[in-house]
Protein backbone atom coordinates (compact mmCIF):
# COMPACT_ATOMS: atom_id res chain seq x y z
CA UNK A 1 -4.82 31.02 -97.60
CA UNK A 2 -3.46 32.27 -93.92
CA UNK A 3 -2.20 30.08 -91.84
CA UNK A 4 -2.19 30.73 -88.10
CA UNK A 5 0.80 31.18 -86.19
CA UNK A 6 -1.10 31.36 -82.54
CA UNK A 7 -0.77 34.45 -80.59
CA UNK A 8 2.99 35.75 -80.73
CA UNK A 9 4.40 39.00 -80.58
CA UNK A 10 5.84 38.06 -84.28
CA UNK A 11 5.46 41.33 -86.04
CA UNK A 12 8.20 42.62 -88.17
CA UNK A 13 10.05 45.09 -87.64
CA UNK A 14 10.50 45.67 -83.82
CA UNK A 15 13.51 48.68 -82.87
CA UNK A 16 17.29 47.60 -82.84
CA UNK A 17 17.27 50.11 -78.87
CA UNK A 18 19.86 49.83 -75.65
CA UNK A 19 18.55 51.50 -72.87
CA UNK A 20 20.30 53.17 -70.96
CA UNK A 21 19.86 53.27 -67.07
CA UNK A 22 22.12 54.08 -63.52
CA UNK A 23 22.49 51.55 -60.99
CA UNK A 24 21.62 52.20 -57.36
CA UNK A 25 25.42 53.06 -56.40
CA UNK A 26 25.85 55.67 -59.80
CA UNK A 27 26.97 52.62 -62.35
CA UNK A 28 25.90 53.00 -66.27
CA UNK A 29 24.22 49.75 -66.95
CA UNK A 30 22.57 49.59 -70.72
CA UNK A 31 20.79 46.70 -71.94
CA UNK A 32 19.38 46.01 -75.94
CA UNK A 33 15.61 46.06 -75.74
CA UNK A 34 13.07 46.13 -78.82
CA UNK A 35 10.02 46.18 -77.47
CA UNK A 36 9.09 49.69 -78.21
CA UNK A 37 8.26 52.52 -80.40
CA UNK A 38 6.55 56.23 -80.16
CA UNK A 39 3.39 56.52 -78.19
CA UNK A 40 2.77 59.93 -78.22
CA UNK A 41 3.85 63.61 -80.81
CA UNK A 42 2.34 65.77 -78.18
CA UNK A 43 4.58 65.24 -75.28
CA UNK A 44 6.51 63.19 -77.66
CA UNK A 45 6.81 59.94 -76.35
CA UNK A 46 8.36 56.49 -76.71
CA UNK A 47 7.79 53.45 -74.30
CA UNK A 48 10.02 50.71 -73.90
CA UNK A 49 8.90 46.97 -72.06
CA UNK A 50 11.16 45.58 -70.17
CA UNK A 51 10.60 42.35 -68.30
CA UNK A 52 11.06 42.52 -63.98
CA UNK A 53 14.27 40.29 -64.00
CA UNK A 54 16.59 42.63 -66.39
CA UNK A 55 18.51 44.89 -64.06
CA UNK A 56 17.52 47.85 -66.13
CA UNK A 57 13.73 47.29 -64.82
CA UNK A 58 15.25 47.62 -61.35
CA UNK A 59 17.56 50.57 -62.71
CA UNK A 60 13.92 52.66 -64.23
CA UNK A 61 11.29 52.10 -61.34
CA UNK A 62 14.52 53.82 -58.94
CA UNK A 63 16.18 56.27 -61.25
CA UNK A 64 12.46 57.38 -63.34
CA UNK A 65 14.74 58.13 -66.61
CA UNK A 66 16.03 56.53 -69.31
CA UNK A 67 18.15 57.63 -72.50
CA UNK A 68 17.48 55.38 -75.88
CA UNK A 69 21.38 55.28 -78.15
CA UNK A 70 20.04 53.78 -81.80
CA UNK A 71 23.06 51.44 -82.84
CA UNK A 72 23.67 51.22 -85.96
CA UNK A 73 24.90 48.76 -88.49
CA UNK A 74 28.57 48.57 -87.11
CA UNK A 75 27.82 48.44 -84.41
CA UNK A 76 25.84 45.02 -84.48
CA UNK A 77 28.36 42.93 -82.20
CA UNK A 78 27.85 45.95 -79.52
CA UNK A 79 24.05 45.77 -79.40
CA UNK A 80 23.63 42.29 -79.42
CA UNK A 81 26.14 41.60 -77.44
CA UNK A 82 23.62 44.20 -74.98
CA UNK A 83 20.97 42.30 -74.19
CA UNK A 84 23.13 39.17 -73.74
CA UNK A 85 25.12 40.40 -70.66
CA UNK A 86 23.23 41.05 -67.24
CA UNK A 87 25.06 44.85 -66.12
CA UNK A 88 24.91 42.81 -62.41
CA UNK A 89 27.07 40.57 -63.74
CA UNK A 90 29.31 42.65 -65.83
CA UNK A 91 30.32 46.20 -66.79
CA UNK A 92 29.50 46.26 -70.79
CA UNK A 93 30.73 49.77 -71.72
CA UNK A 94 34.02 47.90 -70.06
CA UNK A 95 33.98 44.94 -71.96
CA UNK A 96 33.03 46.49 -75.34
CA UNK A 97 34.79 49.26 -75.39
CA UNK A 98 32.77 51.92 -75.27
CA UNK A 99 32.13 55.22 -73.35
CA UNK A 100 29.18 55.66 -71.31
CA UNK A 101 27.96 59.32 -71.84
CA UNK A 102 26.10 61.15 -68.85
CA UNK A 103 22.78 62.88 -69.58
CA UNK A 104 23.08 66.53 -69.82
CA UNK A 105 18.40 66.80 -69.11
CA UNK A 106 17.62 63.16 -67.13
CA UNK A 107 19.18 60.71 -64.42
CA UNK A 108 20.45 58.32 -67.50
CA UNK A 109 23.34 58.26 -69.86
CA UNK A 110 23.27 57.00 -73.26
CA UNK A 111 26.65 56.16 -75.56
CA UNK A 112 28.79 57.57 -76.93
CA UNK A 113 29.26 56.73 -80.07
CA UNK A 114 26.26 55.61 -80.77
CA UNK A 115 24.71 59.27 -83.34
CA UNK A 116 20.61 59.00 -83.00
CA UNK A 117 20.14 59.37 -78.93
CA UNK A 118 16.46 59.97 -76.80
CA UNK A 119 16.50 60.90 -73.28
CA UNK A 120 13.66 60.33 -71.79
CA UNK A 121 12.26 61.13 -68.54
CA UNK A 122 9.33 58.68 -67.48
CA UNK A 123 6.22 59.79 -66.99
CA UNK A 124 3.82 56.43 -66.58
CA UNK A 125 4.68 52.97 -66.55
CA UNK A 126 2.34 50.30 -66.66
CA UNK A 127 2.07 46.68 -66.08
CA UNK A 128 0.98 44.20 -67.96
CA UNK A 129 1.68 40.88 -67.73
CA UNK A 130 5.47 39.49 -68.13
CA UNK A 131 6.57 43.07 -68.31
CA UNK A 132 5.93 46.37 -67.72
CA UNK A 133 5.55 49.02 -70.08
CA UNK A 134 7.32 52.43 -69.88
CA UNK A 135 6.39 54.91 -70.99
CA UNK A 136 8.76 58.43 -71.74
CA UNK A 137 8.75 61.72 -72.35
CA UNK A 138 11.72 62.44 -75.06
CA UNK A 139 13.06 65.64 -73.52
CA UNK A 140 15.59 65.55 -76.24
CA UNK A 141 17.45 64.49 -78.93
CA UNK A 142 20.35 64.47 -80.49
CA UNK A 143 21.82 63.71 -83.48
CA UNK A 144 25.99 63.71 -84.22
CA UNK A 145 25.51 66.43 -87.13
CA UNK A 146 27.42 64.04 -89.81
CA UNK A 147 23.94 62.47 -89.95
CA UNK A 148 21.76 65.43 -91.06
CA UNK A 149 21.51 66.70 -94.52
CA UNK A 150 21.94 70.69 -94.82
CA UNK A 151 18.21 71.49 -93.90
CA UNK A 152 19.52 69.49 -90.18
CA UNK A 153 17.10 67.10 -91.00
CA UNK A 154 18.14 63.32 -90.51
CA UNK A 155 19.36 60.70 -93.14
CA UNK A 156 18.36 57.47 -92.43
CA UNK A 157 21.12 55.64 -94.51
CA UNK A 158 23.75 57.41 -92.91
CA UNK A 159 22.31 56.56 -90.07
CA UNK A 160 21.77 52.85 -90.63
CA UNK A 161 19.93 51.64 -87.89
CA UNK A 162 18.82 47.97 -88.74
CA UNK A 163 16.05 45.79 -86.97
CA UNK A 164 15.08 42.77 -85.19
CA UNK A 165 12.72 40.01 -86.55
CA UNK A 166 11.24 38.65 -82.77
CA UNK A 167 10.49 34.00 -83.51
CA UNK A 168 13.79 34.13 -85.91
CA UNK A 169 15.86 35.96 -84.36
CA UNK A 170 17.94 38.43 -87.47
CA UNK A 171 18.44 41.05 -88.18
CA UNK A 172 18.61 43.91 -90.66
CA UNK A 173 19.88 46.52 -92.53
CA UNK A 174 17.70 48.79 -94.13
CA UNK A 175 17.23 49.17 -97.71
CA UNK A 176 17.05 51.98 -100.21
CA UNK A 177 13.91 54.06 -99.64
CA UNK A 178 10.64 53.40 -101.11
CA UNK A 179 8.94 56.51 -101.63
CA UNK A 180 8.26 59.48 -99.65
CA UNK A 181 5.08 59.38 -96.51
CA UNK A 182 1.93 60.33 -97.51
CA UNK A 183 2.70 61.26 -101.61
CA UNK A 184 3.26 57.69 -102.30
CA UNK A 185 0.20 56.61 -101.83
CA UNK A 186 -1.61 59.88 -103.79
CA UNK A 187 -3.52 58.96 -106.72
CA UNK A 188 -4.89 55.15 -105.73
CA UNK A 189 -8.48 55.61 -104.75
CA UNK A 190 -10.70 54.26 -107.35
């Protein structure tokens, strides 16, 4: 028997993304966001949803560009801090000792120490309610070479991304692969 928990954002897992923007003065800013994901294959796009109250919201409305820096497990403390502090009050890069890197393709910074980066230009903005959804067309994906296999494909277990569980406010690392997509389920038709 299933128990009703009500209408909530209890969806597992959600990503831990660091959204990079510049403020009006050109100061690099980052925030942690978990309300996001892939939303289109062609053109390649991701979406992130932010509350209007966040400093990053205003930066995105002004600059119409953002980066997604995907932190590894070893940067979980910094990522959590990025979600607690406001760029209005502090310089999160200075506080954490991490490095802002100017994107060559969009008007936004990314975190130099994070191995997986998406550079996005905003192509749609949707007011939903408490959150505003920013759809960003991916202009480029950058990855540290040591995160790629001999064929140039990403090795997720080397990247070591982690996930967030809403409602219980816990971070989790990823485990071992379960099987290859579009092959694991073959032969299940009865």
